[in-house]
Amino acid sequence: MIYAEDTRRAAKLLQALGVSTGVRSYFVGNEERRAIELRERLEAGETVAMISDAGMPAIADPGLTAVRAALAADAEVSAVPGPSAVTTALAVSGLPAERFVFEGFLPRKAGERKARFKELAAETRTTVLFSGKAHVVADLADLAKNVGGQRTIVVARELTKLYEEVWRGTLNEAVAHWSSRDVRGEFTLVLGGAEQARTNIDQVVAEVRDAVVTGESMADAVRRIASESGVSRRQLYQAVLDVQE
């Protein structure tokens, strides 16, 4: 049996390949009960395949429940790599990809969203995010507001599909460009890393000590200066203790 996120698209692919195996849907709305069915098939000795709609199963796409169900059935799980928007966007972005962060979709709840932007503002590695047509303009605008409008962004639309498009510029330019368009499709955003604000640990340790002399508690000074400098709070706190010793 073949499970597919979109059975209609899967049918076209399988017909072109001359594959007549049965196809059943497996998407966010039904994956809980389909996972049970999938496990029963594996336990009965069947071989099961899963494909998703122009993406990589289990990578911000349906599939994790299927893998877990297969493992629970003590079945062998193997992957035939398909198109993954994460690595595809990185490859064409022109941004450093030796070290990168994958954030998936940005949170929609205000509190979680604010916290995520704070993390991204200090992130020095290239970051890959997903967005949909209903949210991409708002996501770009909030990114520009919270992480800096001059940060480099690559906006990749409909990767590996017929209307593939890759746009490059700053976040401010991206907001202006995509706000003026009829936005369609699925988007992968590749955000350039922040410049390391200050990396001289001796300098930030001195700032903490000066703040403590003026009456600020060490904990508050470490928290504030670590946030401002981009230095790890734990690293800074330990450095201050080492100096005191």
C-alpha atoms as a PDB file:
ATOM      1  CA  MET A   1       0.000   0.000   0.000  1.00  0.00           C
ATOM      2  CA  ILE A   2       1.122   3.562  -0.730  1.00  0.00           C
ATOM      3  CA  TYR A   3       0.062   6.387   1.561  1.00  0.00           C
ATOM      4  CA  ALA A   4       0.123   9.913   0.126  1.00  0.00           C
ATOM      5  CA  GLU A   5      -0.547  13.425   1.396  1.00  0.00           C
ATOM      6  CA  ASP A   6      -2.460  14.198  -1.820  1.00  0.00           C
ATOM      7  CA  THR A   7      -3.805  11.087  -3.568  1.00  0.00           C
ATOM      8  CA  ARG A   8      -4.659  12.971  -6.768  1.00  0.00           C
ATOM      9  CA  ARG A   9      -1.117  14.223  -7.286  1.00  0.00           C
ATOM     10  CA  ALA A  10       0.261  10.840  -6.277  1.00  0.00           C
ATOM     11  CA  ALA A  11      -1.962   9.124  -8.845  1.00  0.00           C
ATOM     12  CA  LYS A  12      -0.458  11.212 -11.666  1.00  0.00           C
ATOM     13  CA  LEU A  13       3.073  10.367 -10.575  1.00  0.00           C
ATOM     14  CA  LEU A  14       2.336   6.662 -10.176  1.00  0.00           C
ATOM     15  CA  GLN A  15       0.550   6.476 -13.518  1.00  0.00           C
ATOM     16  CA  ALA A  16       3.574   8.032 -15.227  1.00  0.00           C
ATOM     17  CA  LEU A  17       5.782   5.425 -13.551  1.00  0.00           C
ATOM     18  CA  GLY A  18       3.446   2.553 -14.408  1.00  0.00           C
ATOM     19  CA  VAL A  19       2.788   1.736 -10.743  1.00  0.00           C
ATOM     20  CA  SER A  20      -0.612   0.189 -10.001  1.00  0.00           C
ATOM     21  CA  THR A  21      -0.289  -0.224  -6.214  1.00  0.00           C
ATOM     22  CA  GLY A  22      -3.246   1.085  -4.208  1.00  0.00           C
ATOM     23  CA  VAL A  23      -3.058   4.596  -2.732  1.00  0.00           C
ATOM     24  CA  ARG A  24      -4.624   5.878   0.499  1.00  0.00           C
ATOM     25  CA  SER A  25      -4.556   9.401   1.911  1.00  0.00           C
ATOM     26  CA  TYR A  26      -2.344  10.336   4.845  1.00  0.00           C
ATOM     27  CA  PHE A  27      -2.528  13.982   5.868  1.00  0.00           C
ATOM     28  CA  VAL A  28      -2.786  16.106   9.015  1.00  0.00           C
ATOM     29  CA  GLY A  29      -6.540  15.589   9.330  1.00  0.00           C
ATOM     30  CA  ASN A  30      -6.488  11.780   9.335  1.00  0.00           C
ATOM     31  CA  GLU A  31      -2.940  10.736  10.222  1.00  0.00           C
ATOM     32  CA  GLU A  32      -3.821   9.598  13.738  1.00  0.00           C
ATOM     33  CA  ARG A  33      -6.179   6.856  12.556  1.00  0.00           C
ATOM     34  CA  ARG A  34      -4.127   6.142   9.427  1.00  0.00           C
ATOM     35  CA  ALA A  35      -1.087   5.478  11.631  1.00  0.00           C
ATOM     36  CA  ILE A  36      -3.005   2.694  13.368  1.00  0.00           C
ATOM     37  CA  GLU A  37      -3.971   1.211  10.005  1.00  0.00           C
ATOM     38  CA  LEU A  38      -0.414   1.513   8.721  1.00  0.00           C
ATOM     39  CA  ARG A  39       0.956  -0.318  11.749  1.00  0.00           C
ATOM     40  CA  GLU A  40      -1.567  -3.135  11.314  1.00  0.00           C
ATOM     41  CA  ARG A  41      -0.498  -3.569   7.682  1.00  0.00           C
ATOM     42  CA  LEU A  42       3.164  -3.764   8.657  1.00  0.00           C
ATOM     43  CA  GLU A  43       2.455  -6.236  11.434  1.00  0.00           C
ATOM     44  CA  ALA A  44       0.610  -8.354   8.866  1.00  0.00           C
ATOM     45  CA  GLY A  45       3.792  -8.475   6.771  1.00  0.00           C
ATOM     46  CA  GLU A  46       2.882  -5.917   4.119  1.00  0.00           C
ATOM     47  CA  THR A  47       5.296  -3.368   2.661  1.00  0.00           C
ATOM     48  CA  VAL A  48       4.164   0.242   2.947  1.00  0.00           C
ATOM     49  CA  ALA A  49       5.414   3.380   1.192  1.00  0.00           C
ATOM     50  CA  MET A  50       4.690   7.027   1.971  1.00  0.00           C
ATOM     51  CA  ILE A  51       5.029  10.109  -0.227  1.00  0.00           C
ATOM     52  CA  SER A  52       4.078  13.710   0.454  1.00  0.00           C
ATOM     53  CA  ASP A  53       3.030  16.533  -1.816  1.00  0.00           C
ATOM     54  CA  ALA A  54       6.255  18.017  -3.230  1.00  0.00           C
ATOM     55  CA  GLY A  55       7.981  17.797   0.135  1.00  0.00           C
ATOM     56  CA  MET A  56       9.917  15.393   2.335  1.00  0.00           C
ATOM     57  CA  PRO A  57       7.734  13.279   4.648  1.00  0.00           C
ATOM     58  CA  ALA A  58       8.268  13.968   8.364  1.00  0.00           C
ATOM     59  CA  ILE A  59      10.125  17.274   7.726  1.00  0.00           C
ATOM     60  CA  ALA A  60       7.376  19.815   8.509  1.00  0.00           C
ATOM     61  CA  ASP A  61       5.121  17.487   6.506  1.00  0.00           C
ATOM     62  CA  PRO A  62       2.942  14.518   7.537  1.00  0.00           C
ATOM     63  CA  GLY A  63       5.004  11.411   8.232  1.00  0.00           C
ATOM     64  CA  LEU A  64       6.353  11.452  11.786  1.00  0.00           C
ATOM     65  CA  THR A  65       3.391   9.429  13.056  1.00  0.00           C
ATOM     66  CA  ALA A  66       3.951   6.917  10.250  1.00  0.00           C
ATOM     67  CA  VAL A  67       7.616   6.460  11.145  1.00  0.00           C
ATOM     68  CA  ARG A  68       6.765   5.998  14.811  1.00  0.00           C
ATOM     69  CA  ALA A  69       4.032   3.508  13.949  1.00  0.00           C
ATOM     70  CA  ALA A  70       6.486   1.558  11.802  1.00  0.00           C
ATOM     71  CA  LEU A  71       9.082   1.513  14.568  1.00  0.00           C
ATOM     72  CA  ALA A  72       6.433   0.356  17.040  1.00  0.00           C
ATOM     73  CA  ALA A  73       5.676  -2.527  14.654  1.00  0.00           C
ATOM     74  CA  ASP A  74       9.395  -3.366  14.632  1.00  0.00           C
ATOM     75  CA  ALA A  75       9.481  -2.714  10.893  1.00  0.00           C
ATOM     76  CA  GLU A  76      12.507  -1.546   8.943  1.00  0.00           C
ATOM     77  CA  VAL A  77      12.257   2.120   7.951  1.00  0.00           C
ATOM     78  CA  SER A  78      14.159   3.382   4.914  1.00  0.00           C
ATOM     79  CA  ALA A  79      14.128   6.722   3.090  1.00  0.00           C
ATOM     80  CA  VAL A  80      14.483   7.508  -0.590  1.00  0.00           C
ATOM     81  CA  PRO A  81      15.337  11.233  -0.445  1.00  0.00           C
ATOM     82  CA  GLY A  82      12.844  13.368  -2.282  1.00  0.00           C
ATOM     83  CA  PRO A  83      12.654  17.144  -2.742  1.00  0.00           C
ATOM     84  CA  SER A  84      13.168  18.942   0.563  1.00  0.00           C
ATOM     85  CA  ALA A  85      12.508  22.672   0.494  1.00  0.00           C
ATOM     86  CA  VAL A  86      14.945  23.149   3.390  1.00  0.00           C
ATOM     87  CA  THR A  87      18.087  21.962   1.628  1.00  0.00           C
ATOM     88  CA  THR A  88      16.889  23.068  -1.820  1.00  0.00           C
ATOM     89  CA  ALA A  89      16.402  26.663  -0.650  1.00  0.00           C
ATOM     90  CA  LEU A  90      19.752  26.642   1.132  1.00  0.00           C
ATOM     91  CA  ALA A  91      21.498  25.360  -1.983  1.00  0.00           C
ATOM     92  CA  VAL A  92      20.220  28.172  -4.212  1.00  0.00           C
ATOM     93  CA  SER A  93      20.281  30.958  -1.615  1.00  0.00           C
ATOM     94  CA  GLY A  94      23.936  31.854  -1.811  1.00  0.00           C
ATOM     95  CA  LEU A  95      24.004  32.160   1.988  1.00  0.00           C
ATOM     96  CA  PRO A  96      26.354  30.154   4.237  1.00  0.00           C
ATOM     97  CA  ALA A  97      25.050  26.621   4.773  1.00  0.00           C
ATOM     98  CA  GLU A  98      27.870  24.971   6.698  1.00  0.00           C
ATOM     99  CA  ARG A  99      25.827  25.634   9.854  1.00  0.00           C
ATOM    100  CA  PHE A 100      22.151  26.528   9.697  1.00  0.00           C
ATOM    101  CA  VAL A 101      18.951  26.496  11.752  1.00  0.00           C
ATOM    102  CA  PHE A 102      15.590  25.158  10.601  1.00  0.00           C
ATOM    103  CA  GLU A 103      12.685  26.886  12.358  1.00  0.00           C
ATOM    104  CA  GLY A 104       9.725  25.542  10.370  1.00  0.00           C
ATOM    105  CA  PHE A 105       6.627  27.754  10.522  1.00  0.00           C
ATOM    106  CA  LEU A 106       6.654  30.818  12.783  1.00  0.00           C
ATOM    107  CA  PRO A 107       4.250  30.616  15.749  1.00  0.00           C
ATOM    108  CA  ARG A 108       0.938  32.391  15.354  1.00  0.00           C
ATOM    109  CA  LYS A 109       0.328  33.077  19.058  1.00  0.00           C
ATOM    110  CA  ALA A 110       1.629  36.522  20.061  1.00  0.00           C
ATOM    111  CA  GLY A 111       3.697  35.439  23.059  1.00  0.00           C
ATOM    112  CA  GLU A 112       5.404  32.532  21.323  1.00  0.00           C
ATOM    113  CA  ARG A 113       5.952  34.652  18.225  1.00  0.00           C
ATOM    114  CA  LYS A 114       7.626  37.444  20.205  1.00  0.00           C
ATOM    115  CA  ALA A 115       9.950  34.971  21.918  1.00  0.00           C
ATOM    116  CA  ARG A 116      10.899  33.380  18.600  1.00  0.00           C
ATOM    117  CA  PHE A 117      11.748  36.746  17.033  1.00  0.00           C
ATOM    118  CA  LYS A 118      13.990  37.568  19.991  1.00  0.00           C
ATOM    119  CA  GLU A 119      15.922  34.369  19.346  1.00  0.00           C
ATOM    120  CA  LEU A 120      16.166  35.037  15.604  1.00  0.00           C
ATOM    121  CA  ALA A 121      17.430  38.569  16.180  1.00  0.00           C
ATOM    122  CA  ALA A 122      20.550  37.171  17.838  1.00  0.00           C
ATOM    123  CA  GLU A 123      20.974  34.065  15.647  1.00  0.00           C
ATOM    124  CA  THR A 124      24.250  34.245  13.716  1.00  0.00           C
ATOM    125  CA  ARG A 125      23.615  31.133  11.615  1.00  0.00           C
ATOM    126  CA  THR A 126      21.550  31.068   8.426  1.00  0.00           C
ATOM    127  CA  THR A 127      17.919  30.321   9.310  1.00  0.00           C
ATOM    128  CA  VAL A 128      15.352  28.518   7.140  1.00  0.00           C
ATOM    129  CA  LEU A 129      11.641  29.100   7.732  1.00  0.00           C
ATOM    130  CA  PHE A 130       8.435  27.966   6.053  1.00  0.00           C
ATOM    131  CA  SER A 131       5.461  30.210   5.293  1.00  0.00           C
ATOM    132  CA  GLY A 132       2.213  29.995   3.355  1.00  0.00           C
ATOM    133  CA  LYS A 133       0.466  32.447   1.055  1.00  0.00           C
ATOM    134  CA  ALA A 134      -1.864  33.622   3.831  1.00  0.00           C
ATOM    135  CA  HIS A 135       0.956  34.587   6.189  1.00  0.00           C
ATOM    136  CA  VAL A 136       4.107  35.300   4.191  1.00  0.00           C
ATOM    137  CA  VAL A 137       3.687  39.084   3.958  1.00  0.00           C
ATOM    138  CA  ALA A 138       2.945  39.370   7.693  1.00  0.00           C
ATOM    139  CA  ASP A 139       5.872  37.076   8.472  1.00  0.00           C
ATOM    140  CA  LEU A 140       8.244  39.194   6.391  1.00  0.00           C
ATOM    141  CA  ALA A 141       6.957  42.426   7.950  1.00  0.00           C
ATOM    142  CA  ASP A 142       7.325  41.084  11.498  1.00  0.00           C
ATOM    143  CA  LEU A 143      10.798  39.760  10.714  1.00  0.00           C
ATOM    144  CA  ALA A 144      11.843  43.178   9.385  1.00  0.00           C
ATOM    145  CA  LYS A 145      10.461  44.878  12.485  1.00  0.00           C
ATOM    146  CA  ASN A 146      12.002  42.508  14.999  1.00  0.00           C
ATOM    147  CA  VAL A 147      15.306  41.280  13.561  1.00  0.00           C
ATOM    148  CA  GLY A 148      16.281  44.250  11.369  1.00  0.00           C
ATOM    149  CA  GLY A 149      15.103  45.458   7.987  1.00  0.00           C
ATOM    150  CA  GLN A 150      18.588  45.282   6.466  1.00  0.00           C
ATOM    151  CA  ARG A 151      19.035  41.562   7.131  1.00  0.00           C
ATOM    152  CA  THR A 152      19.422  39.522   3.948  1.00  0.00           C
ATOM    153  CA  ILE A 153      16.473  37.329   2.998  1.00  0.00           C
ATOM    154  CA  VAL A 154      15.952  34.862   0.167  1.00  0.00           C
ATOM    155  CA  VAL A 155      12.303  34.162  -0.591  1.00  0.00           C
ATOM    156  CA  ALA A 156      11.833  30.899  -2.478  1.00  0.00           C
ATOM    157  CA  ARG A 157       8.358  30.175  -3.824  1.00  0.00           C
ATOM    158  CA  GLU A 158       7.019  26.842  -5.087  1.00  0.00           C
ATOM    159  CA  LEU A 159      10.413  25.120  -5.043  1.00  0.00           C
ATOM    160  CA  THR A 160      10.746  22.102  -7.374  1.00  0.00           C
ATOM    161  CA  LYS A 161       7.359  22.922  -8.912  1.00  0.00           C
ATOM    162  CA  LEU A 162       6.266  24.442 -12.212  1.00  0.00           C
ATOM    163  CA  TYR A 163       6.213  28.063 -11.009  1.00  0.00           C
ATOM    164  CA  GLU A 164       9.426  27.993  -8.971  1.00  0.00           C
ATOM    165  CA  GLU A 165      10.749  31.459  -8.140  1.00  0.00           C
ATOM    166  CA  VAL A 166      13.683  32.679  -6.035  1.00  0.00           C
ATOM    167  CA  TRP A 167      13.838  36.320  -4.909  1.00  0.00           C
ATOM    168  CA  ARG A 168      16.767  37.956  -3.049  1.00  0.00           C
ATOM    169  CA  GLY A 169      17.100  41.212  -1.126  1.00  0.00           C
ATOM    170  CA  THR A 170      16.774  42.762   2.333  1.00  0.00           C
ATOM    171  CA  LEU A 171      13.798  42.232   4.618  1.00  0.00           C
ATOM    172  CA  ASN A 172      12.597  45.795   4.007  1.00  0.00           C
ATOM    173  CA  GLU A 173      12.786  45.235   0.249  1.00  0.00           C
ATOM    174  CA  ALA A 174      11.004  41.894   0.621  1.00  0.00           C
ATOM    175  CA  VAL A 175       8.077  43.485   2.461  1.00  0.00           C
ATOM    176  CA  ALA A 176       7.675  46.102  -0.276  1.00  0.00           C
ATOM    177  CA  HIS A 177       8.000  43.558  -3.083  1.00  0.00           C
ATOM    178  CA  TRP A 178       5.689  40.840  -1.805  1.00  0.00           C
ATOM    179  CA  SER A 179       3.087  43.282  -0.446  1.00  0.00           C
ATOM    180  CA  SER A 180       2.551  44.532  -3.987  1.00  0.00           C
ATOM    181  CA  ARG A 181       1.975  41.084  -5.491  1.00  0.00           C
ATOM    182  CA  ASP A 182      -0.815  38.566  -5.715  1.00  0.00           C
ATOM    183  CA  VAL A 183       0.838  36.032  -3.419  1.00  0.00           C
ATOM    184  CA  ARG A 184       0.310  32.356  -4.193  1.00  0.00           C
ATOM    185  CA  GLY A 185       1.984  29.083  -3.349  1.00  0.00           C
ATOM    186  CA  GLU A 186       4.235  27.789  -0.600  1.00  0.00           C
ATOM    187  CA  PHE A 187       7.245  29.757   0.593  1.00  0.00           C
ATOM    188  CA  THR A 188      10.640  28.930   2.048  1.00  0.00           C
ATOM    189  CA  LEU A 189      12.467  31.864   3.636  1.00  0.00           C
ATOM    190  CA  VAL A 190      16.250  31.788   4.050  1.00  0.00           C
ATOM    191  CA  LEU A 191      17.331  34.462   6.514  1.00  0.00           C
ATOM    192  CA  GLY A 192      20.924  35.631   6.724  1.00  0.00           C
ATOM    193  CA  GLY A 193      22.523  35.378  10.146  1.00  0.00           C
ATOM    194  CA  ALA A 194      22.992  38.341  12.462  1.00  0.00           C
ATOM    195  CA  GLU A 195      26.464  39.779  12.778  1.00  0.00           C
ATOM    196  CA  GLN A 196      28.029  38.827  16.073  1.00  0.00           C
ATOM    197  CA  ALA A 197      27.567  42.031  18.045  1.00  0.00           C
ATOM    198  CA  ARG A 198      30.455  41.635  20.446  1.00  0.00           C
ATOM    199  CA  THR A 199      32.629  38.605  20.982  1.00  0.00           C
ATOM    200  CA  ASN A 200      35.285  39.983  23.338  1.00  0.00           C
ATOM    201  CA  ILE A 201      34.378  38.240  26.591  1.00  0.00           C
ATOM    202  CA  ASP A 202      36.742  40.439  28.611  1.00  0.00           C
ATOM    203  CA  GLN A 203      34.838  43.507  27.459  1.00  0.00           C
ATOM    204  CA  VAL A 204      31.410  42.198  28.474  1.00  0.00           C
ATOM    205  CA  VAL A 205      32.755  40.882  31.800  1.00  0.00           C
ATOM    206  CA  ALA A 206      34.034  44.389  32.520  1.00  0.00           C
ATOM    207  CA  GLU A 207      30.591  45.783  31.711  1.00  0.00           C
ATOM    208  CA  VAL A 208      28.965  43.402  34.171  1.00  0.00           C
ATOM    209  CA  ARG A 209      31.431  44.360  36.907  1.00  0.00           C
ATOM    210  CA  ASP A 210      30.819  48.072  36.262  1.00  0.00           C
ATOM    211  CA  ALA A 211      27.056  47.535  36.435  1.00  0.00           C
ATOM    212  CA  VAL A 212      27.394  45.701  39.757  1.00  0.00           C
ATOM    213  CA  VAL A 213      29.489  48.564  41.181  1.00  0.00           C
ATOM    214  CA  THR A 214      26.660  50.986  40.319  1.00  0.00           C
ATOM    215  CA  GLY A 215      24.169  48.862  42.263  1.00  0.00           C
ATOM    216  CA  GLU A 216      22.718  46.437  39.709  1.00  0.00           C
ATOM    217  CA  SER A 217      22.551  42.817  40.861  1.00  0.00           C
ATOM    218  CA  MET A 218      24.926  40.420  39.161  1.00  0.00           C
ATOM    219  CA  ALA A 219      22.055  38.250  37.897  1.00  0.00           C
ATOM    220  CA  ASP A 220      20.273  41.241  36.322  1.00  0.00           C
ATOM    221  CA  ALA A 221      23.491  42.614  34.843  1.00  0.00           C
ATOM    222  CA  VAL A 222      24.463  39.275  33.312  1.00  0.00           C
ATOM    223  CA  ARG A 223      20.958  38.772  31.882  1.00  0.00           C
ATOM    224  CA  ARG A 224      20.824  42.267  30.366  1.00  0.00           C
ATOM    225  CA  ILE A 225      24.351  42.421  28.954  1.00  0.00           C
ATOM    226  CA  ALA A 226      24.216  38.868  27.588  1.00  0.00           C
ATOM    227  CA  SER A 227      21.027  39.783  25.715  1.00  0.00           C
ATOM    228  CA  GLU A 228      22.568  42.998  24.356  1.00  0.00           C
ATOM    229  CA  SER A 229      25.895  41.464  23.338  1.00  0.00           C
ATOM    230  CA  GLY A 230      24.808  38.093  21.970  1.00  0.00           C
ATOM    231  CA  VAL A 231      27.092  36.268  24.398  1.00  0.00           C
ATOM    232  CA  SER A 232      25.696  33.158  26.082  1.00  0.00           C
ATOM    233  CA  ARG A 233      24.310  34.074  29.524  1.00  0.00           C
ATOM    234  CA  ARG A 234      25.782  30.930  31.050  1.00  0.00           C
ATOM    235  CA  GLN A 235      29.190  31.630  29.469  1.00  0.00           C
ATOM    236  CA  LEU A 236      29.156  35.235  30.688  1.00  0.00           C
ATOM    237  CA  TYR A 237      28.106  34.314  34.232  1.00  0.00           C
ATOM    238  CA  GLN A 238      30.900  31.744  34.485  1.00  0.00           C
ATOM    239  CA  ALA A 239      33.435  34.239  33.104  1.00  0.00           C
ATOM    240  CA  VAL A 240      32.444  36.786  35.739  1.00  0.00           C
ATOM    241  CA  LEU A 241      32.821  34.177  38.487  1.00  0.00           C
ATOM    242  CA  ASP A 242      36.245  33.182  37.143  1.00  0.00           C
ATOM    243  CA  VAL A 243      37.419  36.800  37.271  1.00  0.00           C
ATOM    244  CA  GLN A 244      36.145  37.201  40.828  1.00  0.00           C
ATOM    245  CA  GLU A 245      37.978  34.070  41.930  1.00  0.00           C
END
